[in-house]
Amino acid sequence: SEVSVGDFVTELGIADDIFVTNKTWTTGEYLSDNSHSEAQFLRSRERLWRSRMDVQQVHSLENHDQVLHLLRQWKEEGLIRYIGATQWSAEYYDTMERLVAGGTLDFVQIAYTIHTRAAEKRLLQACADNGV
């Protein structure tokens, strides 16, 4: 789908007008291996015909410290505008809240429905307090 989106928005001349969000996994061949994240990011940029992503998200918070370090580096280099995290499991919401409060995350994507409301306890307020 990245190839289709990249071709479509380039042909229409709207590539600079859209907001693109992408995800990266937190593990490679071993816990401190970022090669999978680096390869995926490069491949996505090529497929989408973009030099920069608007949001690059850590997909799951397992081993997040390693990948967030890489995302901060990419942000400093101008390769991404915002750092995000996705997490469906409420067991990681304390970690996510800490990252939001510490200024690490600009975006979060969580499981929040009428039946899944754990984020209401503290995470949503932390996001509101920190402009996330």
N, C-alpha and C. Protein backbone atom coordinates (compact mmCIF):
# COMPACT_ATOMS: atom_id res chain seq x y z
N SER A 1 0.81 -1.20 0.00
CA SER A 1 0.00 0.00 0.00
C SER A 1 0.86 1.27 0.00
N GLU A 2 2.06 1.20 0.57
CA GLU A 2 2.92 2.38 0.57
C GLU A 2 3.28 2.80 -0.85
N VAL A 3 3.56 1.83 -1.70
CA VAL A 3 3.89 2.14 -3.09
C VAL A 3 2.72 2.82 -3.77
N SER A 4 1.51 2.29 -3.56
CA SER A 4 0.31 2.88 -4.18
C SER A 4 0.09 4.30 -3.69
N VAL A 5 0.19 4.52 -2.39
CA VAL A 5 0.00 5.86 -1.83
C VAL A 5 1.08 6.80 -2.36
N GLY A 6 2.33 6.37 -2.36
CA GLY A 6 3.41 7.20 -2.85
C GLY A 6 3.22 7.60 -4.30
N ASP A 7 2.86 6.63 -5.14
CA ASP A 7 2.63 6.93 -6.56
C ASP A 7 1.44 7.85 -6.74
N PHE A 8 0.36 7.58 -6.02
CA PHE A 8 -0.88 8.34 -6.14
C PHE A 8 -0.68 9.81 -5.77
N VAL A 9 -0.10 10.07 -4.60
CA VAL A 9 0.05 11.46 -4.15
C VAL A 9 1.10 12.20 -4.97
N THR A 10 2.10 11.48 -5.46
CA THR A 10 3.11 12.12 -6.31
C THR A 10 2.50 12.51 -7.65
N GLU A 11 1.73 11.59 -8.24
CA GLU A 11 1.09 11.89 -9.53
C GLU A 11 0.12 13.05 -9.42
N LEU A 12 -0.58 13.14 -8.30
CA LEU A 12 -1.53 14.24 -8.09
C LEU A 12 -0.85 15.54 -7.66
N GLY A 13 0.43 15.45 -7.32
CA GLY A 13 1.15 16.64 -6.89
C GLY A 13 0.79 17.12 -5.50
N ILE A 14 0.33 16.20 -4.66
CA ILE A 14 -0.11 16.59 -3.31
C ILE A 14 0.77 15.99 -2.21
N ALA A 15 1.92 15.45 -2.58
CA ALA A 15 2.78 14.77 -1.61
C ALA A 15 3.15 15.67 -0.43
N ASP A 16 3.34 16.96 -0.69
CA ASP A 16 3.71 17.88 0.39
C ASP A 16 2.50 18.37 1.18
N ASP A 17 1.30 18.03 0.72
CA ASP A 17 0.08 18.50 1.37
C ASP A 17 -0.54 17.47 2.31
N ILE A 18 -0.01 16.25 2.32
CA ILE A 18 -0.61 15.22 3.18
C ILE A 18 0.27 14.99 4.41
N PHE A 19 -0.36 14.47 5.44
CA PHE A 19 0.30 14.18 6.71
C PHE A 19 0.48 12.67 6.79
N VAL A 20 1.72 12.21 6.83
CA VAL A 20 2.00 10.78 6.76
C VAL A 20 2.51 10.27 8.11
N THR A 21 1.87 9.22 8.58
CA THR A 21 2.26 8.55 9.82
C THR A 21 2.71 7.14 9.50
N ASN A 22 3.75 6.68 10.17
CA ASN A 22 4.28 5.36 9.92
C ASN A 22 4.68 4.73 11.26
N LYS A 23 4.90 3.43 11.25
CA LYS A 23 5.29 2.72 12.47
C LYS A 23 6.59 1.96 12.24
N THR A 24 7.29 1.71 13.33
CA THR A 24 8.46 0.85 13.28
C THR A 24 8.41 -0.13 14.44
N TRP A 25 8.88 -1.33 14.21
CA TRP A 25 8.93 -2.34 15.26
C TRP A 25 10.09 -2.06 16.21
N THR A 26 10.01 -2.63 17.39
CA THR A 26 11.01 -2.36 18.42
C THR A 26 12.08 -3.43 18.53
N THR A 27 11.97 -4.48 17.77
CA THR A 27 12.97 -5.54 17.88
C THR A 27 13.54 -5.89 16.51
N GLY A 28 14.78 -6.34 16.54
CA GLY A 28 15.46 -6.83 15.35
C GLY A 28 15.87 -8.26 15.59
N GLU A 29 17.09 -8.60 15.21
CA GLU A 29 17.59 -9.95 15.44
C GLU A 29 17.85 -10.19 16.93
N TYR A 30 18.13 -9.13 17.67
CA TYR A 30 18.32 -9.19 19.11
C TYR A 30 17.85 -7.85 19.66
N LEU A 31 17.72 -7.71 20.98
CA LEU A 31 17.05 -6.55 21.57
C LEU A 31 17.66 -5.20 21.22
N SER A 32 18.97 -5.10 21.11
CA SER A 32 19.56 -3.80 20.82
C SER A 32 19.83 -3.60 19.32
N ASP A 33 19.20 -4.41 18.49
CA ASP A 33 19.41 -4.35 17.04
C ASP A 33 18.36 -3.44 16.40
N ASN A 34 18.82 -2.31 15.86
CA ASN A 34 17.93 -1.37 15.18
C ASN A 34 17.87 -1.58 13.68
N SER A 35 18.54 -2.59 13.17
CA SER A 35 18.65 -2.75 11.71
C SER A 35 17.28 -2.91 11.05
N HIS A 36 16.35 -3.59 11.71
CA HIS A 36 15.03 -3.77 11.12
C HIS A 36 14.30 -2.43 11.06
N SER A 37 14.39 -1.64 12.11
CA SER A 37 13.76 -0.32 12.13
C SER A 37 14.36 0.59 11.07
N GLU A 38 15.68 0.58 10.97
CA GLU A 38 16.36 1.42 9.98
C GLU A 38 15.99 1.02 8.56
N ALA A 39 15.98 -0.28 8.28
CA ALA A 39 15.65 -0.76 6.93
C ALA A 39 14.19 -0.46 6.60
N GLN A 40 13.30 -0.66 7.56
CA GLN A 40 11.88 -0.39 7.33
C GLN A 40 11.65 1.09 7.06
N PHE A 41 12.30 1.95 7.82
CA PHE A 41 12.14 3.40 7.64
C PHE A 41 12.62 3.84 6.26
N LEU A 42 13.78 3.36 5.86
CA LEU A 42 14.32 3.70 4.54
C LEU A 42 13.40 3.19 3.43
N ARG A 43 12.94 1.96 3.57
CA ARG A 43 12.03 1.37 2.58
C ARG A 43 10.73 2.16 2.48
N SER A 44 10.18 2.55 3.61
CA SER A 44 8.93 3.33 3.61
C SER A 44 9.13 4.68 2.95
N ARG A 45 10.23 5.34 3.26
CA ARG A 45 10.51 6.65 2.64
C ARG A 45 10.63 6.51 1.13
N GLU A 46 11.29 5.46 0.67
CA GLU A 46 11.43 5.24 -0.77
C GLU A 46 10.08 4.94 -1.41
N ARG A 47 9.29 4.08 -0.80
CA ARG A 47 7.99 3.70 -1.36
C ARG A 47 7.02 4.87 -1.39
N LEU A 48 7.10 5.72 -0.38
CA LEU A 48 6.18 6.87 -0.30
C LEU A 48 6.73 8.11 -1.01
N TRP A 49 7.93 8.01 -1.55
CA TRP A 49 8.58 9.12 -2.25
C TRP A 49 8.73 10.31 -1.32
N ARG A 50 9.17 10.07 -0.08
CA ARG A 50 9.29 11.15 0.90
C ARG A 50 10.69 11.18 1.49
N SER A 51 11.17 12.37 1.72
CA SER A 51 12.45 12.51 2.42
C SER A 51 12.23 12.57 3.93
N ARG A 52 10.99 12.87 4.34
CA ARG A 52 10.68 13.01 5.76
C ARG A 52 9.29 12.47 6.05
N MET A 53 9.14 11.83 7.20
CA MET A 53 7.83 11.38 7.69
C MET A 53 7.32 12.41 8.67
N ASP A 54 6.02 12.59 8.69
CA ASP A 54 5.45 13.52 9.66
C ASP A 54 5.50 12.92 11.06
N VAL A 55 5.03 11.69 11.20
CA VAL A 55 5.08 10.99 12.49
C VAL A 55 5.67 9.60 12.26
N GLN A 56 6.65 9.25 13.07
CA GLN A 56 7.17 7.89 13.08
C GLN A 56 6.88 7.36 14.47
N GLN A 57 6.14 6.25 14.52
CA GLN A 57 5.69 5.71 15.80
C GLN A 57 6.39 4.40 16.13
N VAL A 58 6.67 4.22 17.40
CA VAL A 58 7.13 2.93 17.91
C VAL A 58 5.89 2.05 18.02
N HIS A 59 5.93 0.91 17.36
CA HIS A 59 4.79 -0.01 17.39
C HIS A 59 5.01 -1.00 18.52
N SER A 60 4.41 -0.72 19.65
CA SER A 60 4.56 -1.48 20.89
C SER A 60 5.71 -0.88 21.69
N LEU A 61 5.59 -0.95 22.98
CA LEU A 61 6.60 -0.34 23.84
C LEU A 61 7.63 -1.34 24.36
N GLU A 62 7.59 -2.56 23.89
CA GLU A 62 8.62 -3.52 24.25
C GLU A 62 9.94 -3.05 23.64
N ASN A 63 10.97 -2.96 24.42
CA ASN A 63 12.29 -2.49 23.97
C ASN A 63 12.23 -1.07 23.42
N HIS A 64 11.35 -0.27 23.95
CA HIS A 64 11.13 1.08 23.41
C HIS A 64 12.32 2.01 23.56
N ASP A 65 13.10 1.87 24.62
CA ASP A 65 14.24 2.78 24.83
C ASP A 65 15.20 2.78 23.65
N GLN A 66 15.49 1.60 23.14
CA GLN A 66 16.43 1.46 22.02
C GLN A 66 15.90 2.19 20.78
N VAL A 67 14.65 1.96 20.44
CA VAL A 67 14.09 2.54 19.22
C VAL A 67 13.79 4.02 19.40
N LEU A 68 13.35 4.43 20.58
CA LEU A 68 13.08 5.86 20.79
C LEU A 68 14.37 6.68 20.66
N HIS A 69 15.48 6.11 21.06
CA HIS A 69 16.77 6.79 20.86
C HIS A 69 17.00 7.04 19.36
N LEU A 70 16.72 6.03 18.56
CA LEU A 70 16.87 6.15 17.11
C LEU A 70 15.89 7.19 16.54
N LEU A 71 14.65 7.19 17.02
CA LEU A 71 13.66 8.17 16.54
C LEU A 71 14.05 9.59 16.93
N ARG A 72 14.59 9.77 18.12
CA ARG A 72 15.07 11.11 18.52
C ARG A 72 16.18 11.58 17.59
N GLN A 73 17.06 10.67 17.25
CA GLN A 73 18.15 11.00 16.32
C GLN A 73 17.57 11.42 14.96
N TRP A 74 16.60 10.66 14.45
CA TRP A 74 15.99 10.99 13.17
C TRP A 74 15.26 12.34 13.23
N LYS A 75 14.65 12.61 14.38
CA LYS A 75 13.96 13.90 14.54
C LYS A 75 14.98 15.04 14.50
N GLU A 76 16.09 14.88 15.21
CA GLU A 76 17.14 15.91 15.21
C GLU A 76 17.71 16.12 13.80
N GLU A 77 17.76 15.05 13.01
CA GLU A 77 18.28 15.14 11.64
C GLU A 77 17.24 15.66 10.65
N GLY A 78 16.00 15.86 11.12
CA GLY A 78 14.95 16.35 10.25
C GLY A 78 14.28 15.29 9.39
N LEU A 79 14.51 14.02 9.70
CA LEU A 79 13.91 12.94 8.92
C LEU A 79 12.48 12.65 9.35
N ILE A 80 12.12 13.04 10.58
CA ILE A 80 10.74 12.94 11.06
C ILE A 80 10.40 14.22 11.80
N ARG A 81 9.11 14.56 11.82
CA ARG A 81 8.68 15.76 12.53
C ARG A 81 8.28 15.45 13.97
N TYR A 82 7.60 14.33 14.16
CA TYR A 82 7.06 13.98 15.48
C TYR A 82 7.33 12.52 15.80
N ILE A 83 7.47 12.24 17.08
CA ILE A 83 7.67 10.88 17.58
C ILE A 83 6.39 10.42 18.26
N GLY A 84 5.98 9.21 17.92
CA GLY A 84 4.77 8.66 18.52
C GLY A 84 4.98 7.24 19.00
N ALA A 85 3.96 6.72 19.66
CA ALA A 85 3.97 5.33 20.11
C ALA A 85 2.56 4.78 19.99
N THR A 86 2.48 3.52 19.62
CA THR A 86 1.20 2.83 19.57
C THR A 86 1.24 1.71 20.60
N GLN A 87 0.14 1.53 21.29
CA GLN A 87 0.08 0.45 22.28
C GLN A 87 -1.37 0.09 22.53
N TRP A 88 -1.71 -1.15 22.32
CA TRP A 88 -3.08 -1.60 22.52
C TRP A 88 -3.31 -2.12 23.94
N SER A 89 -2.24 -2.50 24.63
CA SER A 89 -2.38 -3.11 25.95
C SER A 89 -2.24 -2.08 27.07
N ALA A 90 -3.22 -2.05 27.95
CA ALA A 90 -3.22 -1.09 29.05
C ALA A 90 -2.07 -1.32 30.03
N GLU A 91 -1.47 -2.50 30.02
CA GLU A 91 -0.36 -2.76 30.94
C GLU A 91 0.84 -1.86 30.66
N TYR A 92 0.91 -1.27 29.48
CA TYR A 92 2.00 -0.36 29.13
C TYR A 92 1.62 1.12 29.27
N TYR A 93 0.42 1.41 29.72
CA TYR A 93 -0.02 2.81 29.80
C TYR A 93 0.78 3.61 30.82
N ASP A 94 1.27 2.97 31.90
CA ASP A 94 2.12 3.69 32.85
C ASP A 94 3.42 4.13 32.18
N THR A 95 3.99 3.24 31.39
CA THR A 95 5.21 3.59 30.64
C THR A 95 4.93 4.70 29.65
N MET A 96 3.82 4.59 28.95
CA MET A 96 3.46 5.61 27.97
C MET A 96 3.23 6.95 28.66
N GLU A 97 2.58 6.93 29.81
CA GLU A 97 2.34 8.16 30.57
C GLU A 97 3.68 8.82 30.96
N ARG A 98 4.62 8.01 31.40
CA ARG A 98 5.95 8.52 31.77
C ARG A 98 6.65 9.14 30.56
N LEU A 99 6.55 8.52 29.41
CA LEU A 99 7.18 9.05 28.19
C LEU A 99 6.51 10.34 27.74
N VAL A 100 5.20 10.41 27.89
CA VAL A 100 4.47 11.64 27.54
C VAL A 100 4.88 12.76 28.49
N ALA A 101 4.87 12.48 29.79
CA ALA A 101 5.22 13.51 30.78
C ALA A 101 6.67 13.97 30.63
N GLY A 102 7.55 13.09 30.18
CA GLY A 102 8.95 13.43 30.00
C GLY A 102 9.25 14.14 28.69
N GLY A 103 8.23 14.34 27.87
CA GLY A 103 8.42 15.06 26.61
C GLY A 103 8.96 14.22 25.47
N THR A 104 9.00 12.91 25.65
CA THR A 104 9.54 12.03 24.61
C THR A 104 8.57 11.85 23.45
N LEU A 105 7.26 11.77 23.76
CA LEU A 105 6.26 11.48 22.73
C LEU A 105 5.47 12.71 22.34
N ASP A 106 5.25 12.84 21.04
CA ASP A 106 4.41 13.90 20.50
C ASP A 106 3.02 13.38 20.14
N PHE A 107 2.90 12.07 19.91
CA PHE A 107 1.66 11.42 19.52
C PHE A 107 1.53 10.10 20.26
N VAL A 108 0.30 9.69 20.54
CA VAL A 108 0.03 8.34 21.03
C VAL A 108 -1.16 7.78 20.27
N GLN A 109 -1.13 6.47 20.06
CA GLN A 109 -2.25 5.75 19.49
C GLN A 109 -2.54 4.60 20.44
N ILE A 110 -3.73 4.59 21.01
CA ILE A 110 -4.06 3.63 22.06
C ILE A 110 -5.40 2.98 21.78
N ALA A 111 -5.67 1.92 22.52
CA ALA A 111 -6.98 1.29 22.47
C ALA A 111 -7.90 2.07 23.41
N TYR A 112 -8.85 2.77 22.84
CA TYR A 112 -9.79 3.54 23.66
C TYR A 112 -11.16 3.46 23.02
N THR A 113 -12.03 2.69 23.64
CA THR A 113 -13.39 2.51 23.16
C THR A 113 -14.34 2.57 24.34
N ILE A 114 -15.60 2.44 24.06
CA ILE A 114 -16.59 2.43 25.14
C ILE A 114 -16.35 1.25 26.09
N HIS A 115 -15.72 0.20 25.57
CA HIS A 115 -15.45 -1.00 26.37
C HIS A 115 -14.02 -1.05 26.90
N THR A 116 -13.14 -0.25 26.36
CA THR A 116 -11.73 -0.25 26.75
C THR A 116 -11.36 1.16 27.18
N ARG A 117 -11.46 1.41 28.49
CA ARG A 117 -11.34 2.79 28.97
C ARG A 117 -10.21 3.00 29.98
N ALA A 118 -9.26 2.11 30.03
CA ALA A 118 -8.16 2.22 31.01
C ALA A 118 -7.37 3.51 30.84
N ALA A 119 -7.31 4.03 29.64
CA ALA A 119 -6.54 5.26 29.39
C ALA A 119 -7.11 6.46 30.13
N GLU A 120 -8.37 6.38 30.54
CA GLU A 120 -9.00 7.49 31.26
C GLU A 120 -8.39 7.70 32.64
N LYS A 121 -7.79 6.66 33.20
CA LYS A 121 -7.29 6.75 34.57
C LYS A 121 -6.25 7.85 34.73
N ARG A 122 -5.25 7.89 33.81
CA ARG A 122 -4.21 8.92 33.91
C ARG A 122 -3.61 9.31 32.56
N LEU A 123 -3.59 8.39 31.62
CA LEU A 123 -2.88 8.64 30.37
C LEU A 123 -3.48 9.79 29.57
N LEU A 124 -4.79 9.83 29.44
CA LEU A 124 -5.40 10.91 28.66
C LEU A 124 -5.13 12.27 29.29
N GLN A 125 -5.15 12.35 30.61
CA GLN A 125 -4.85 13.62 31.28
C GLN A 125 -3.39 14.02 31.06
N ALA A 126 -2.50 13.04 31.12
CA ALA A 126 -1.08 13.34 30.86
C ALA A 126 -0.90 13.87 29.45
N CYS A 127 -1.61 13.29 28.50
CA CYS A 127 -1.54 13.76 27.11
C CYS A 127 -2.05 15.19 27.02
N ALA A 128 -3.18 15.47 27.65
CA ALA A 128 -3.75 16.82 27.62
C ALA A 128 -2.80 17.83 28.28
N ASP A 129 -2.22 17.43 29.40
CA ASP A 129 -1.31 18.33 30.13
C ASP A 129 -0.03 18.64 29.35
N ASN A 130 0.35 17.73 28.45
CA ASN A 130 1.61 17.87 27.73
C ASN A 130 1.45 18.16 26.24
N GLY A 131 0.25 18.51 25.83
CA GLY A 131 0.02 18.87 24.44
C GLY A 131 0.16 17.73 23.45
N VAL A 132 -0.11 16.53 23.90
CA VAL A 132 -0.01 15.34 23.04
C VAL A 132 -1.38 14.96 22.56
